[in-house]
Amino acid sequence: MLPQGFTVQTGGAADIRLAIAGTGAKPRANSTYIITASNVGSIDSQEFSIENFVEPWFAYQNGNPVPTEIVDGPAGSSFAKTRSPEGH
């Protein structure tokens, strides 16, 4: 632990930003994409979820962290849900 490692700002707010980068889809090839969530605000955020819609012609294979839930959607699609730890 760092003593006085940061300054607490009154009246601040969390500011969650998402960045998505991927390789694109190609027939009969795996596609890889990365979703990065960061808090650039002045205070910690509350817990939040990131949900990603997966079209029915794709198959979800894995993630890090492992999604907290994968939900079947309409017409063979799915949603991968991941929860953030509180206080980030």
Foldseek 3Di string as FASTA:
>chain_A
DDVCPDDQDPPKDWDKDWDKDKDDDDPPDDIDMDIDIDTPIRFFAAKDKDKDKADQVDDDDADVVGFPDWAQDPPRIIIGMHIDDGGD
